[in-house]
Amino acid sequence: MNLNQTDHCLRFSCPGRSVSTALYVLSYVSAAAVVLVTVCGNLLIIISVCHFKQLYTPTNMLILSLAVSDFLIGVFVIPVSLIWMIESCWLFSSIYCLFYISISYILIGTSIYNVVLIAVDRYFALSKPFLYNKTVSSSTMCFVVSCNWLVLFFYKTAIQYFNGRFASLAMCPGDCFLVLDEVWSLVDLLLTFVFPLSVIVILYVQVFFIAKKHATAIRELNSHTRTQTSKNMSDSMKSERKAAKVLGILVSVFVACLLPYFVYNLLGNIELEPFQKVLLLVHLNSAINPVIYALFYPWFRRCVKIILTLHIFNTDSALTNVLFE
């Protein structure tokens, strides 16, 4: 955001609460529900991938990383954002403002590049399946994920430090904004939005065409032969296409949640209420992701059932078959 500090203070003063008590209470109840869905939903994904050995796959390591960032957003970012939005005023200390902005920047950036890695993973798996199975393992993906977190942590910390605005984060009463200068604003836009979005779009267009070729190959394979080998190959191709489709939905929702925020920032005319709404939309993506898994991943629904019925504490529950059709 490129704002003059004086204008920034004038625009973002606390207007005070002007809603009825019933609407006020309903707002907090809704906020609590959103936080609960985000935290519990992503925690279930984390437990599932970490506990069930069948889910130790490279792609699921990326899903785990995304769930961890979404879980942390649900714990540290969404509650504060919702309180700020309901009260129309920053009620916390300047120290917590610094923590809120830092953790929000780091986690959102990490989530964006987790989705980029998912797009790269699906493209590689579909375009070069034999090479993918030979070179990409769960341990390799864990290393990639760790590097992603470390690089984003240092980058987001550096951009705030060298921007030189830590001292002015909470100068205005009721505010909590990081005001980037023109150079860092452009750098952050390119690295946090333009580049990752371009990669995601280009790779998923390629994935779409590869999936269409696979669909054609499956039909031809089924029409010409019925051997066990052809059946196994057909099932494998169908599984990859289904995974690409579900993760494509995940990516599409992610882009839809982020796009308004970055477009709004590009316009430059930042006002508190619309800014809070587009920022909240970015954060709410963390609550939407577990719902997508629940709707489209049968293995996730089976894992949730095992966890909620406490069968996860049974002996050898980690070896439970959760991937059967």
C-alpha atoms as a PDB file:
ATOM      1  CA  MET A   1       0.000   0.000   0.000  1.00  0.00           C
ATOM      2  CA  ASN A   2       1.358   3.386  -0.967  1.00  0.00           C
ATOM      3  CA  LEU A   3      -0.142   5.975   1.357  1.00  0.00           C
ATOM      4  CA  ASN A   4       1.011   9.281   2.738  1.00  0.00           C
ATOM      5  CA  GLN A   5       1.297   8.753   6.496  1.00  0.00           C
ATOM      6  CA  THR A   6      -0.799  11.858   7.388  1.00  0.00           C
ATOM      7  CA  ASP A   7      -3.575  10.952   4.939  1.00  0.00           C
ATOM      8  CA  HIS A   8      -3.389   7.380   6.224  1.00  0.00           C
ATOM      9  CA  CYS A   9      -4.080   8.568   9.790  1.00  0.00           C
ATOM     10  CA  LEU A  10      -6.979  10.741   8.675  1.00  0.00           C
ATOM     11  CA  ARG A  11      -8.622   7.967   6.676  1.00  0.00           C
ATOM     12  CA  PHE A  12      -8.263   5.196   9.222  1.00  0.00           C
ATOM     13  CA  SER A  13      -9.654   6.613  12.437  1.00  0.00           C
ATOM     14  CA  CYS A  14     -11.986   4.547  14.606  1.00  0.00           C
ATOM     15  CA  PRO A  15     -15.609   5.318  13.721  1.00  0.00           C
ATOM     16  CA  GLY A  16     -17.030   3.467  16.723  1.00  0.00           C
ATOM     17  CA  ARG A  17     -19.619   0.699  16.759  1.00  0.00           C
ATOM     18  CA  SER A  18     -22.993   1.623  15.252  1.00  0.00           C
ATOM     19  CA  VAL A  19     -24.795  -1.725  14.929  1.00  0.00           C
ATOM     20  CA  SER A  20     -27.519  -3.263  17.062  1.00  0.00           C
ATOM     21  CA  THR A  21     -26.643  -5.563  19.943  1.00  0.00           C
ATOM     22  CA  ALA A  22     -28.228  -8.567  18.189  1.00  0.00           C
ATOM     23  CA  LEU A  23     -26.189  -8.013  15.018  1.00  0.00           C
ATOM     24  CA  TYR A  24     -23.080  -7.416  17.125  1.00  0.00           C
ATOM     25  CA  VAL A  25     -23.519 -10.732  18.961  1.00  0.00           C
ATOM     26  CA  LEU A  26     -24.335 -12.545  15.699  1.00  0.00           C
ATOM     27  CA  SER A  27     -21.153 -11.150  14.166  1.00  0.00           C
ATOM     28  CA  TYR A  28     -19.044 -12.613  16.964  1.00  0.00           C
ATOM     29  CA  VAL A  29     -20.862 -15.956  16.824  1.00  0.00           C
ATOM     30  CA  SER A  30     -20.224 -16.122  13.068  1.00  0.00           C
ATOM     31  CA  ALA A  31     -16.602 -15.149  13.621  1.00  0.00           C
ATOM     32  CA  ALA A  32     -16.192 -17.919  16.188  1.00  0.00           C
ATOM     33  CA  ALA A  33     -17.708 -20.425  13.729  1.00  0.00           C
ATOM     34  CA  VAL A  34     -15.284 -19.377  10.983  1.00  0.00           C
ATOM     35  CA  VAL A  35     -12.303 -19.711  13.328  1.00  0.00           C
ATOM     36  CA  LEU A  36     -13.542 -23.115  14.529  1.00  0.00           C
ATOM     37  CA  VAL A  37     -13.970 -24.437  10.975  1.00  0.00           C
ATOM     38  CA  THR A  38     -10.537 -23.143   9.952  1.00  0.00           C
ATOM     39  CA  VAL A  39      -8.641 -24.462  12.963  1.00  0.00           C
ATOM     40  CA  CYS A  40     -10.428 -27.808  13.351  1.00  0.00           C
ATOM     41  CA  GLY A  41     -10.664 -28.510   9.610  1.00  0.00           C
ATOM     42  CA  ASN A  42      -6.981 -27.938   8.968  1.00  0.00           C
ATOM     43  CA  LEU A  43      -6.021 -29.757  12.167  1.00  0.00           C
ATOM     44  CA  LEU A  44      -7.901 -32.825  10.894  1.00  0.00           C
ATOM     45  CA  ILE A  45      -5.923 -32.646   7.629  1.00  0.00           C
ATOM     46  CA  ILE A  46      -2.638 -32.366   9.550  1.00  0.00           C
ATOM     47  CA  ILE A  47      -3.488 -35.336  11.796  1.00  0.00           C
ATOM     48  CA  SER A  48      -4.652 -37.425   8.823  1.00  0.00           C
ATOM     49  CA  VAL A  49      -1.538 -36.919   6.694  1.00  0.00           C
ATOM     50  CA  CYS A  50       0.826 -37.309   9.660  1.00  0.00           C
ATOM     51  CA  HIS A  51      -0.857 -40.395  11.147  1.00  0.00           C
ATOM     52  CA  PHE A  52      -1.942 -42.649   8.259  1.00  0.00           C
ATOM     53  CA  LYS A  53       1.058 -44.175   6.500  1.00  0.00           C
ATOM     54  CA  GLN A  54      -0.853 -44.593   3.235  1.00  0.00           C
ATOM     55  CA  LEU A  55      -0.948 -40.810   2.963  1.00  0.00           C
ATOM     56  CA  TYR A  56       2.858 -40.398   3.051  1.00  0.00           C
ATOM     57  CA  THR A  57       3.039 -39.261  -0.580  1.00  0.00           C
ATOM     58  CA  PRO A  58       4.879 -36.294  -2.138  1.00  0.00           C
ATOM     59  CA  THR A  59       1.652 -34.516  -3.070  1.00  0.00           C
ATOM     60  CA  ASN A  60       0.247 -34.971   0.421  1.00  0.00           C
ATOM     61  CA  MET A  61       3.396 -33.377   1.877  1.00  0.00           C
ATOM     62  CA  LEU A  62       2.396 -30.245  -0.025  1.00  0.00           C
ATOM     63  CA  ILE A  63      -1.178 -30.555   1.200  1.00  0.00           C
ATOM     64  CA  LEU A  64       0.186 -30.921   4.734  1.00  0.00           C
ATOM     65  CA  SER A  65       2.295 -27.776   4.327  1.00  0.00           C
ATOM     66  CA  LEU A  66      -0.722 -25.845   3.042  1.00  0.00           C
ATOM     67  CA  ALA A  67      -2.837 -27.133   5.945  1.00  0.00           C
ATOM     68  CA  VAL A  68      -0.182 -26.056   8.478  1.00  0.00           C
ATOM     69  CA  SER A  69      -0.093 -22.509   7.074  1.00  0.00           C
ATOM     70  CA  ASP A  70      -3.916 -22.429   6.983  1.00  0.00           C
ATOM     71  CA  PHE A  71      -4.073 -23.721  10.571  1.00  0.00           C
ATOM     72  CA  LEU A  72      -1.693 -21.006  11.782  1.00  0.00           C
ATOM     73  CA  ILE A  73      -3.701 -18.374   9.916  1.00  0.00           C
ATOM     74  CA  GLY A  74      -6.805 -19.683  11.697  1.00  0.00           C
ATOM     75  CA  VAL A  75      -5.087 -19.428  15.096  1.00  0.00           C
ATOM     76  CA  PHE A  76      -3.179 -16.143  14.827  1.00  0.00           C
ATOM     77  CA  VAL A  77      -4.629 -14.104  11.955  1.00  0.00           C
ATOM     78  CA  ILE A  78      -8.333 -14.726  11.315  1.00  0.00           C
ATOM     79  CA  PRO A  79      -9.542 -14.047  14.902  1.00  0.00           C
ATOM     80  CA  VAL A  80      -7.729 -10.708  14.967  1.00  0.00           C
ATOM     81  CA  SER A  81      -8.943  -9.784  11.458  1.00  0.00           C
ATOM     82  CA  LEU A  82     -12.557 -10.545  12.375  1.00  0.00           C
ATOM     83  CA  ILE A  83     -12.387  -8.563  15.633  1.00  0.00           C
ATOM     84  CA  TRP A  84     -10.795  -5.654  13.759  1.00  0.00           C
ATOM     85  CA  MET A  85     -13.545  -5.811  11.137  1.00  0.00           C
ATOM     86  CA  ILE A  86     -16.425  -6.106  13.642  1.00  0.00           C
ATOM     87  CA  GLU A  87     -15.130  -3.297  15.865  1.00  0.00           C
ATOM     88  CA  SER A  88     -13.968  -1.160  12.905  1.00  0.00           C
ATOM     89  CA  CYS A  89     -10.930  -0.348  15.016  1.00  0.00           C
ATOM     90  CA  TRP A  90      -7.593  -1.924  16.013  1.00  0.00           C
ATOM     91  CA  LEU A  91      -7.994  -2.805  19.708  1.00  0.00           C
ATOM     92  CA  PHE A  92      -4.646  -4.460  20.326  1.00  0.00           C
ATOM     93  CA  SER A  93      -1.168  -3.147  21.165  1.00  0.00           C
ATOM     94  CA  SER A  94       1.405  -1.864  18.692  1.00  0.00           C
ATOM     95  CA  ILE A  95       3.618  -4.868  19.528  1.00  0.00           C
ATOM     96  CA  TYR A  96       0.825  -7.266  18.600  1.00  0.00           C
ATOM     97  CA  CYS A  97       0.242  -5.194  15.452  1.00  0.00           C
ATOM     98  CA  LEU A  98       3.832  -5.904  14.445  1.00  0.00           C
ATOM     99  CA  PHE A  99       3.382  -9.613  15.168  1.00  0.00           C
ATOM    100  CA  TYR A 100       0.031  -9.708  13.306  1.00  0.00           C
ATOM    101  CA  ILE A 101       1.431  -8.088  10.165  1.00  0.00           C
ATOM    102  CA  SER A 102       4.600 -10.201  10.200  1.00  0.00           C
ATOM    103  CA  ILE A 103       2.840 -13.544  10.710  1.00  0.00           C
ATOM    104  CA  SER A 104       0.114 -12.637   8.216  1.00  0.00           C
ATOM    105  CA  TYR A 105       2.629 -11.698   5.500  1.00  0.00           C
ATOM    106  CA  ILE A 106       4.714 -14.814   6.075  1.00  0.00           C
ATOM    107  CA  LEU A 107       1.795 -17.268   6.190  1.00  0.00           C
ATOM    108  CA  ILE A 108      -0.037 -15.809   3.178  1.00  0.00           C
ATOM    109  CA  GLY A 109       3.190 -15.838   1.156  1.00  0.00           C
ATOM    110  CA  THR A 110       3.887 -19.417   2.210  1.00  0.00           C
ATOM    111  CA  SER A 111       0.360 -20.476   1.250  1.00  0.00           C
ATOM    112  CA  ILE A 112       0.738 -18.879  -2.181  1.00  0.00           C
ATOM    113  CA  TYR A 113       3.961 -20.738  -2.899  1.00  0.00           C
ATOM    114  CA  ASN A 114       2.538 -23.972  -1.484  1.00  0.00           C
ATOM    115  CA  VAL A 115      -0.126 -23.709  -4.190  1.00  0.00           C
ATOM    116  CA  VAL A 116       2.596 -23.005  -6.772  1.00  0.00           C
ATOM    117  CA  LEU A 117       4.421 -26.165  -5.659  1.00  0.00           C
ATOM    118  CA  ILE A 118       1.170 -28.140  -5.919  1.00  0.00           C
ATOM    119  CA  ALA A 119       0.751 -26.916  -9.504  1.00  0.00           C
ATOM    120  CA  VAL A 120       4.364 -27.852 -10.333  1.00  0.00           C
ATOM    121  CA  ASP A 121       3.919 -31.248  -8.669  1.00  0.00           C
ATOM    122  CA  ARG A 122       0.756 -32.085 -10.639  1.00  0.00           C
ATOM    123  CA  TYR A 123       2.260 -30.921 -13.921  1.00  0.00           C
ATOM    124  CA  PHE A 124       5.402 -33.002 -13.383  1.00  0.00           C
ATOM    125  CA  ALA A 125       3.386 -36.054 -12.266  1.00  0.00           C
ATOM    126  CA  LEU A 126       1.113 -35.933 -15.320  1.00  0.00           C
ATOM    127  CA  SER A 127       3.642 -34.925 -17.972  1.00  0.00           C
ATOM    128  CA  LYS A 128       6.486 -37.232 -16.877  1.00  0.00           C
ATOM    129  CA  PRO A 129       4.943 -39.893 -14.611  1.00  0.00           C
ATOM    130  CA  PHE A 130       7.819 -42.398 -14.782  1.00  0.00           C
ATOM    131  CA  LEU A 131      10.485 -39.782 -14.057  1.00  0.00           C
ATOM    132  CA  TYR A 132       8.289 -38.333 -11.304  1.00  0.00           C
ATOM    133  CA  ASN A 133       7.911 -41.682  -9.534  1.00  0.00           C
ATOM    134  CA  LYS A 134      11.647 -42.303  -9.849  1.00  0.00           C
ATOM    135  CA  THR A 135      12.950 -38.931  -8.625  1.00  0.00           C
ATOM    136  CA  VAL A 136      10.293 -37.445  -6.325  1.00  0.00           C
ATOM    137  CA  SER A 137       9.862 -38.987  -2.886  1.00  0.00           C
ATOM    138  CA  SER A 138       8.174 -37.845   0.315  1.00  0.00           C
ATOM    139  CA  SER A 139      11.551 -36.976   1.860  1.00  0.00           C
ATOM    140  CA  THR A 140      12.484 -34.923  -1.213  1.00  0.00           C
ATOM    141  CA  MET A 141       9.203 -33.039  -0.999  1.00  0.00           C
ATOM    142  CA  CYS A 142       9.714 -32.424   2.727  1.00  0.00           C
ATOM    143  CA  PHE A 143      13.034 -30.773   1.887  1.00  0.00           C
ATOM    144  CA  VAL A 144      11.365 -28.620  -0.796  1.00  0.00           C
ATOM    145  CA  VAL A 145       8.599 -27.618   1.623  1.00  0.00           C
ATOM    146  CA  SER A 146      11.134 -26.704   4.325  1.00  0.00           C
ATOM    147  CA  CYS A 147      13.041 -24.531   1.868  1.00  0.00           C
ATOM    148  CA  ASN A 148       9.776 -22.854   0.853  1.00  0.00           C
ATOM    149  CA  TRP A 149       9.001 -21.919   4.469  1.00  0.00           C
ATOM    150  CA  LEU A 150      12.544 -20.677   5.172  1.00  0.00           C
ATOM    151  CA  VAL A 151      12.833 -18.597   1.995  1.00  0.00           C
ATOM    152  CA  LEU A 152       9.409 -16.985   2.517  1.00  0.00           C
ATOM    153  CA  PHE A 153      10.208 -16.286   6.169  1.00  0.00           C
ATOM    154  CA  PHE A 154      13.456 -14.474   5.341  1.00  0.00           C
ATOM    155  CA  TYR A 155      11.964 -12.662   2.340  1.00  0.00           C
ATOM    156  CA  LYS A 156       8.911 -11.348   4.201  1.00  0.00           C
ATOM    157  CA  THR A 157      11.034 -10.366   7.197  1.00  0.00           C
ATOM    158  CA  ALA A 158      13.517  -8.578   4.930  1.00  0.00           C
ATOM    159  CA  ILE A 159      10.860  -6.664   3.006  1.00  0.00           C
ATOM    160  CA  GLN A 160       9.454  -5.299   6.263  1.00  0.00           C
ATOM    161  CA  TYR A 161      12.878  -4.510   7.722  1.00  0.00           C
ATOM    162  CA  PHE A 162      14.349  -2.754   4.670  1.00  0.00           C
ATOM    163  CA  ASN A 163      11.084  -0.935   4.031  1.00  0.00           C
ATOM    164  CA  GLY A 164      11.934   0.957   7.234  1.00  0.00           C
ATOM    165  CA  ARG A 165       8.379   1.433   8.501  1.00  0.00           C
ATOM    166  CA  PHE A 166       8.318  -0.723  11.634  1.00  0.00           C
ATOM    167  CA  ALA A 167       8.333   2.392  13.802  1.00  0.00           C
ATOM    168  CA  SER A 168       5.211   3.768  12.130  1.00  0.00           C
ATOM    169  CA  LEU A 169       3.061   0.658  12.087  1.00  0.00           C
ATOM    170  CA  ALA A 170       0.696   1.766  14.850  1.00  0.00           C
ATOM    171  CA  MET A 171       1.245   5.524  14.864  1.00  0.00           C
ATOM    172  CA  CYS A 172      -2.380   6.225  14.063  1.00  0.00           C
ATOM    173  CA  PRO A 173      -5.022   5.375  16.683  1.00  0.00           C
ATOM    174  CA  GLY A 174      -7.042   2.323  15.752  1.00  0.00           C
ATOM    175  CA  ASP A 175      -4.794   1.296  12.851  1.00  0.00           C
ATOM    176  CA  CYS A 176      -2.547  -1.619  11.988  1.00  0.00           C
ATOM    177  CA  PHE A 177      -1.116  -1.281   8.490  1.00  0.00           C
ATOM    178  CA  LEU A 178       2.241  -1.810   6.881  1.00  0.00           C
ATOM    179  CA  VAL A 179       2.818   1.002   4.390  1.00  0.00           C
ATOM    180  CA  LEU A 180       5.276  -0.153   1.731  1.00  0.00           C
ATOM    181  CA  ASP A 181       7.179   2.387  -0.344  1.00  0.00           C
ATOM    182  CA  GLU A 182       6.849   2.358  -4.141  1.00  0.00           C
ATOM    183  CA  VAL A 183       9.874   0.163  -4.826  1.00  0.00           C
ATOM    184  CA  TRP A 184       9.125  -2.532  -2.248  1.00  0.00           C
ATOM    185  CA  SER A 185       5.441  -2.432  -3.138  1.00  0.00           C
ATOM    186  CA  LEU A 186       6.287  -3.243  -6.768  1.00  0.00           C
ATOM    187  CA  VAL A 187       8.790  -5.948  -5.766  1.00  0.00           C
ATOM    188  CA  ASP A 188       6.281  -7.578  -3.426  1.00  0.00           C
ATOM    189  CA  LEU A 189       3.519  -7.429  -6.044  1.00  0.00           C
ATOM    190  CA  LEU A 190       5.713  -9.155  -8.620  1.00  0.00           C
ATOM    191  CA  LEU A 191       7.087 -11.847  -6.286  1.00  0.00           C
ATOM    192  CA  THR A 192       3.955 -12.485  -4.221  1.00  0.00           C
ATOM    193  CA  PHE A 193       1.270 -12.263  -6.889  1.00  0.00           C
ATOM    194  CA  VAL A 194       2.271 -11.784 -10.552  1.00  0.00           C
ATOM    195  CA  PHE A 195       4.973 -14.466 -10.726  1.00  0.00           C
ATOM    196  CA  PRO A 196       3.195 -17.205  -8.687  1.00  0.00           C
ATOM    197  CA  LEU A 197      -0.158 -16.548 -10.408  1.00  0.00           C
ATOM    198  CA  SER A 198       1.495 -16.764 -13.832  1.00  0.00           C
ATOM    199  CA  VAL A 199       3.145 -20.071 -12.932  1.00  0.00           C
ATOM    200  CA  ILE A 200      -0.113 -21.482 -11.550  1.00  0.00           C
ATOM    201  CA  VAL A 201      -2.184 -20.466 -14.593  1.00  0.00           C
ATOM    202  CA  ILE A 202       0.378 -21.652 -17.171  1.00  0.00           C
ATOM    203  CA  LEU A 203       0.917 -25.024 -15.483  1.00  0.00           C
ATOM    204  CA  TYR A 204      -2.768 -25.733 -14.961  1.00  0.00           C
ATOM    205  CA  VAL A 205      -3.541 -24.921 -18.590  1.00  0.00           C
ATOM    206  CA  GLN A 206      -0.883 -27.515 -19.455  1.00  0.00           C
ATOM    207  CA  VAL A 207      -2.377 -29.948 -16.921  1.00  0.00           C
ATOM    208  CA  PHE A 208      -5.800 -29.484 -18.520  1.00  0.00           C
ATOM    209  CA  PHE A 209      -4.522 -30.453 -21.968  1.00  0.00           C
ATOM    210  CA  ILE A 210      -2.517 -33.391 -20.589  1.00  0.00           C
ATOM    211  CA  ALA A 211      -5.608 -34.623 -18.722  1.00  0.00           C
ATOM    212  CA  LYS A 212      -7.603 -34.480 -21.978  1.00  0.00           C
ATOM    213  CA  LYS A 213      -4.940 -36.580 -23.713  1.00  0.00           C
ATOM    214  CA  HIS A 214      -5.055 -39.071 -20.853  1.00  0.00           C
ATOM    215  CA  ALA A 215      -8.830 -39.299 -21.125  1.00  0.00           C
ATOM    216  CA  THR A 216      -8.522 -40.088 -24.835  1.00  0.00           C
ATOM    217  CA  ALA A 217      -5.806 -42.676 -24.138  1.00  0.00           C
ATOM    218  CA  ILE A 218      -7.955 -44.341 -21.469  1.00  0.00           C
ATOM    219  CA  ARG A 219     -10.904 -44.684 -23.868  1.00  0.00           C
ATOM    220  CA  GLU A 220      -8.692 -46.164 -26.580  1.00  0.00           C
ATOM    221  CA  LEU A 221      -7.029 -48.519 -24.111  1.00  0.00           C
ATOM    222  CA  ASN A 222     -10.371 -49.764 -22.829  1.00  0.00           C
ATOM    223  CA  SER A 223     -11.793 -50.262 -26.315  1.00  0.00           C
ATOM    224  CA  HIS A 224      -8.844 -52.263 -27.665  1.00  0.00           C
ATOM    225  CA  THR A 225      -7.771 -54.446 -24.771  1.00  0.00           C
ATOM    226  CA  ARG A 226      -9.023 -55.739 -21.430  1.00  0.00           C
ATOM    227  CA  THR A 227      -5.847 -57.174 -19.926  1.00  0.00           C
ATOM    228  CA  GLN A 228      -4.942 -56.689 -16.266  1.00  0.00           C
ATOM    229  CA  THR A 229      -1.991 -54.499 -17.267  1.00  0.00           C
ATOM    230  CA  SER A 230      -4.194 -52.170 -19.283  1.00  0.00           C
ATOM    231  CA  LYS A 231      -6.689 -52.029 -16.416  1.00  0.00           C
ATOM    232  CA  ASN A 232      -3.955 -51.044 -13.942  1.00  0.00           C
ATOM    233  CA  MET A 233      -2.627 -48.406 -16.318  1.00  0.00           C
ATOM    234  CA  SER A 234      -6.128 -47.063 -16.885  1.00  0.00           C
ATOM    235  CA  ASP A 235      -6.818 -46.884 -13.142  1.00  0.00           C
ATOM    236  CA  SER A 236      -3.519 -45.081 -12.557  1.00  0.00           C
ATOM    237  CA  MET A 237      -4.264 -42.501 -15.255  1.00  0.00           C
ATOM    238  CA  LYS A 238      -7.764 -41.964 -13.904  1.00  0.00           C
ATOM    239  CA  SER A 239      -6.360 -41.461 -10.414  1.00  0.00           C
ATOM    240  CA  GLU A 240      -3.879 -38.861 -11.635  1.00  0.00           C
ATOM    241  CA  ARG A 241      -6.591 -37.036 -13.612  1.00  0.00           C
ATOM    242  CA  LYS A 242      -8.890 -37.009 -10.578  1.00  0.00           C
ATOM    243  CA  ALA A 243      -6.114 -35.660  -8.352  1.00  0.00           C
ATOM    244  CA  ALA A 244      -5.350 -32.952 -10.903  1.00  0.00           C
ATOM    245  CA  LYS A 245      -9.046 -32.030 -11.114  1.00  0.00           C
ATOM    246  CA  VAL A 246      -9.484 -31.708  -7.340  1.00  0.00           C
ATOM    247  CA  LEU A 247      -6.264 -29.757  -6.905  1.00  0.00           C
ATOM    248  CA  GLY A 248      -7.339 -27.595  -9.856  1.00  0.00           C
ATOM    249  CA  ILE A 249     -10.477 -26.682  -7.899  1.00  0.00           C
ATOM    250  CA  LEU A 250      -8.312 -25.940  -4.869  1.00  0.00           C
ATOM    251  CA  VAL A 251      -6.081 -23.653  -6.936  1.00  0.00           C
ATOM    252  CA  SER A 252      -9.035 -21.917  -8.638  1.00  0.00           C
ATOM    253  CA  VAL A 253     -10.649 -21.086  -5.288  1.00  0.00           C
ATOM    254  CA  PHE A 254      -7.296 -19.876  -3.997  1.00  0.00           C
ATOM    255  CA  VAL A 255      -6.809 -17.507  -6.948  1.00  0.00           C
ATOM    256  CA  ALA A 256     -10.402 -16.252  -6.642  1.00  0.00           C
ATOM    257  CA  CYS A 257      -9.786 -15.378  -2.977  1.00  0.00           C
ATOM    258  CA  LEU A 258      -6.464 -13.615  -3.609  1.00  0.00           C
ATOM    259  CA  LEU A 259      -7.256 -11.748  -6.820  1.00  0.00           C
ATOM    260  CA  PRO A 260      -9.577  -9.068  -5.302  1.00  0.00           C
ATOM    261  CA  TYR A 261      -6.970  -8.204  -2.645  1.00  0.00           C
ATOM    262  CA  PHE A 262      -4.136  -7.587  -5.091  1.00  0.00           C
ATOM    263  CA  VAL A 263      -6.372  -5.816  -7.621  1.00  0.00           C
ATOM    264  CA  TYR A 264      -7.657  -3.543  -4.861  1.00  0.00           C
ATOM    265  CA  ASN A 265      -4.108  -2.728  -3.759  1.00  0.00           C
ATOM    266  CA  LEU A 266      -3.190  -1.884  -7.351  1.00  0.00           C
ATOM    267  CA  LEU A 267      -5.979   0.707  -7.476  1.00  0.00           C
ATOM    268  CA  GLY A 268      -4.212   2.656  -4.729  1.00  0.00           C
ATOM    269  CA  ASN A 269      -7.355   4.226  -3.216  1.00  0.00           C
ATOM    270  CA  ILE A 270      -7.229   2.316   0.066  1.00  0.00           C
ATOM    271  CA  GLU A 271     -10.209   2.710   2.412  1.00  0.00           C
ATOM    272  CA  LEU A 272     -10.590   0.787   5.661  1.00  0.00           C
ATOM    273  CA  GLU A 273     -13.883  -1.089   5.167  1.00  0.00           C
ATOM    274  CA  PRO A 274     -13.345  -2.439   1.613  1.00  0.00           C
ATOM    275  CA  PHE A 275      -9.697  -3.184   2.426  1.00  0.00           C
ATOM    276  CA  GLN A 276     -10.729  -5.272   5.434  1.00  0.00           C
ATOM    277  CA  LYS A 277     -13.205  -7.205   3.278  1.00  0.00           C
ATOM    278  CA  VAL A 278     -10.735  -8.145   0.550  1.00  0.00           C
ATOM    279  CA  LEU A 279      -8.102  -8.995   3.183  1.00  0.00           C
ATOM    280  CA  LEU A 280     -10.622 -11.161   5.027  1.00  0.00           C
ATOM    281  CA  LEU A 281     -11.396 -12.973   1.754  1.00  0.00           C
ATOM    282  CA  VAL A 282      -7.702 -13.940   1.524  1.00  0.00           C
ATOM    283  CA  HIS A 283      -7.811 -15.290   5.070  1.00  0.00           C
ATOM    284  CA  LEU A 284     -11.120 -17.122   4.565  1.00  0.00           C
ATOM    285  CA  ASN A 285      -9.498 -19.270   1.886  1.00  0.00           C
ATOM    286  CA  SER A 286      -7.890 -21.097   4.813  1.00  0.00           C
ATOM    287  CA  ALA A 287     -11.371 -22.077   6.016  1.00  0.00           C
ATOM    288  CA  ILE A 288     -12.542 -23.100   2.530  1.00  0.00           C
ATOM    289  CA  ASN A 289      -9.711 -25.563   1.813  1.00  0.00           C
ATOM    290  CA  PRO A 290     -10.809 -28.234   4.375  1.00  0.00           C
ATOM    291  CA  VAL A 291     -14.339 -28.042   2.931  1.00  0.00           C
ATOM    292  CA  ILE A 292     -12.923 -28.776  -0.540  1.00  0.00           C
ATOM    293  CA  TYR A 293     -11.049 -31.798   0.831  1.00  0.00           C
ATOM    294  CA  ALA A 294     -14.208 -33.030   2.586  1.00  0.00           C
ATOM    295  CA  LEU A 295     -16.268 -32.711  -0.610  1.00  0.00           C
ATOM    296  CA  PHE A 296     -13.826 -34.233  -3.080  1.00  0.00           C
ATOM    297  CA  TYR A 297     -11.436 -36.507  -1.160  1.00  0.00           C
ATOM    298  CA  PRO A 298     -13.016 -39.765   0.096  1.00  0.00           C
ATOM    299  CA  TRP A 299      -9.811 -40.552   2.002  1.00  0.00           C
ATOM    300  CA  PHE A 300     -10.208 -37.358   4.030  1.00  0.00           C
ATOM    301  CA  ARG A 301     -13.780 -38.234   5.001  1.00  0.00           C
ATOM    302  CA  ARG A 302     -12.634 -41.719   6.093  1.00  0.00           C
ATOM    303  CA  CYS A 303      -9.795 -40.236   8.124  1.00  0.00           C
ATOM    304  CA  VAL A 304     -12.150 -37.767   9.826  1.00  0.00           C
ATOM    305  CA  LYS A 305     -14.514 -40.597  10.737  1.00  0.00           C
ATOM    306  CA  ILE A 306     -11.659 -42.616  12.258  1.00  0.00           C
ATOM    307  CA  ILE A 307     -10.368 -39.595  14.178  1.00  0.00           C
ATOM    308  CA  LEU A 308     -13.737 -38.419  15.513  1.00  0.00           C
ATOM    309  CA  THR A 309     -14.761 -41.931  16.601  1.00  0.00           C
ATOM    310  CA  LEU A 310     -11.405 -42.201  18.434  1.00  0.00           C
ATOM    311  CA  HIS A 311     -10.442 -45.324  16.459  1.00  0.00           C
ATOM    312  CA  ILE A 312      -7.207 -43.498  15.742  1.00  0.00           C
ATOM    313  CA  PHE A 313      -6.026 -44.652  19.185  1.00  0.00           C
ATOM    314  CA  ASN A 314      -6.411 -48.322  18.233  1.00  0.00           C
ATOM    315  CA  THR A 315      -3.292 -50.416  17.752  1.00  0.00           C
ATOM    316  CA  ASP A 316      -1.966 -50.234  14.181  1.00  0.00           C
ATOM    317  CA  SER A 317      -4.536 -47.584  13.228  1.00  0.00           C
ATOM    318  CA  ALA A 318      -1.771 -45.859  11.244  1.00  0.00           C
ATOM    319  CA  LEU A 319      -1.855 -48.850   8.864  1.00  0.00           C
ATOM    320  CA  THR A 320      -5.601 -48.516   8.193  1.00  0.00           C
ATOM    321  CA  ASN A 321      -6.532 -48.596   4.521  1.00  0.00           C
ATOM    322  CA  VAL A 322      -8.068 -45.171   3.871  1.00  0.00           C
ATOM    323  CA  LEU A 323      -7.536 -45.115   0.101  1.00  0.00           C
ATOM    324  CA  PHE A 324      -9.908 -47.890  -0.981  1.00  0.00           C
ATOM    325  CA  GLU A 325     -12.563 -46.890  -3.515  1.00  0.00           C
END
